[in-house]
Amino acid sequence: MSTFAEAVLERVRAARVRLEAAHAAEDAFETALAEDELEDALRLARKHGICTEEVTDG
């Protein structure tokens, strides 16, 4: 896997963790920011053909 793909997958992982934390904290503003970040990271992955289905926070 390329360095770029690894970086994109790490960005997806981090965004998912951030989103979970925002939901847990019931922070609407942070949730919106995290959703935007995740959406952007997933868009970038799709654009470059990077599969994100198995990406977890571990």
Protein backbone atom coordinates (compact mmCIF):
# COMPACT_ATOMS: atom_id res chain seq x y z
CA MET A 1 0.00 0.00 0.00
CA SER A 2 1.31 3.44 -0.86
CA THR A 3 2.19 6.08 1.69
CA PHE A 4 -0.60 8.24 0.31
CA ALA A 5 -3.19 5.49 0.76
CA GLU A 6 -1.98 4.85 4.30
CA ALA A 7 -2.30 8.55 5.11
CA VAL A 8 -5.83 8.67 3.71
CA LEU A 9 -6.85 5.60 5.71
CA GLU A 10 -5.36 7.10 8.86
CA ARG A 11 -7.34 10.28 8.20
CA VAL A 12 -10.53 8.21 7.90
CA ARG A 13 -9.71 6.35 11.14
CA ALA A 14 -9.05 9.58 13.02
CA ALA A 15 -12.22 11.20 11.73
CA ARG A 16 -14.30 8.20 12.83
CA VAL A 17 -12.76 8.29 16.30
CA ARG A 18 -13.39 12.03 16.53
CA LEU A 19 -17.00 11.53 15.45
CA GLU A 20 -17.58 8.81 18.05
CA ALA A 21 -16.11 11.04 20.76
CA ALA A 22 -18.27 13.97 19.70
CA HIS A 23 -21.39 11.81 19.79
CA ALA A 24 -20.44 10.46 23.21
CA ALA A 25 -19.94 14.01 24.50
CA GLU A 26 -23.23 15.09 22.93
CA ASP A 27 -21.38 18.04 21.39
CA ALA A 28 -23.36 19.18 18.35
CA PHE A 29 -20.69 21.55 17.05
CA GLU A 30 -17.88 19.00 17.32
CA THR A 31 -20.15 16.38 15.75
CA ALA A 32 -20.73 18.64 12.75
CA LEU A 33 -17.00 19.27 12.35
CA ALA A 34 -16.20 15.57 12.67
CA GLU A 35 -18.88 14.63 10.14
CA ASP A 36 -17.45 17.12 7.66
CA GLU A 37 -13.93 15.78 8.18
CA LEU A 38 -15.08 12.19 7.74
CA GLU A 39 -17.06 13.05 4.63
CA ASP A 40 -14.04 14.81 3.14
CA ALA A 41 -11.69 11.94 3.99
CA LEU A 42 -14.08 9.38 2.49
CA ARG A 43 -14.51 11.51 -0.65
CA LEU A 44 -10.74 11.64 -1.07
CA ALA A 45 -10.48 7.88 -0.60
CA ARG A 46 -13.20 7.21 -3.19
CA LYS A 47 -11.56 9.60 -5.66
CA HIS A 48 -8.34 7.58 -5.46
CA GLY A 49 -9.92 4.13 -5.32
CA ILE A 50 -8.97 3.44 -1.71
CA CYS A 51 -11.26 0.98 0.07
CA THR A 52 -12.30 2.21 3.52
CA GLU A 53 -14.84 -0.47 4.46
CA GLU A 54 -12.50 -2.28 6.82
CA VAL A 55 -10.96 0.79 8.40
CA THR A 56 -11.43 0.81 12.17
CA ASP A 57 -10.01 2.85 15.00
CA GLY A 58 -7.63 0.05 15.97
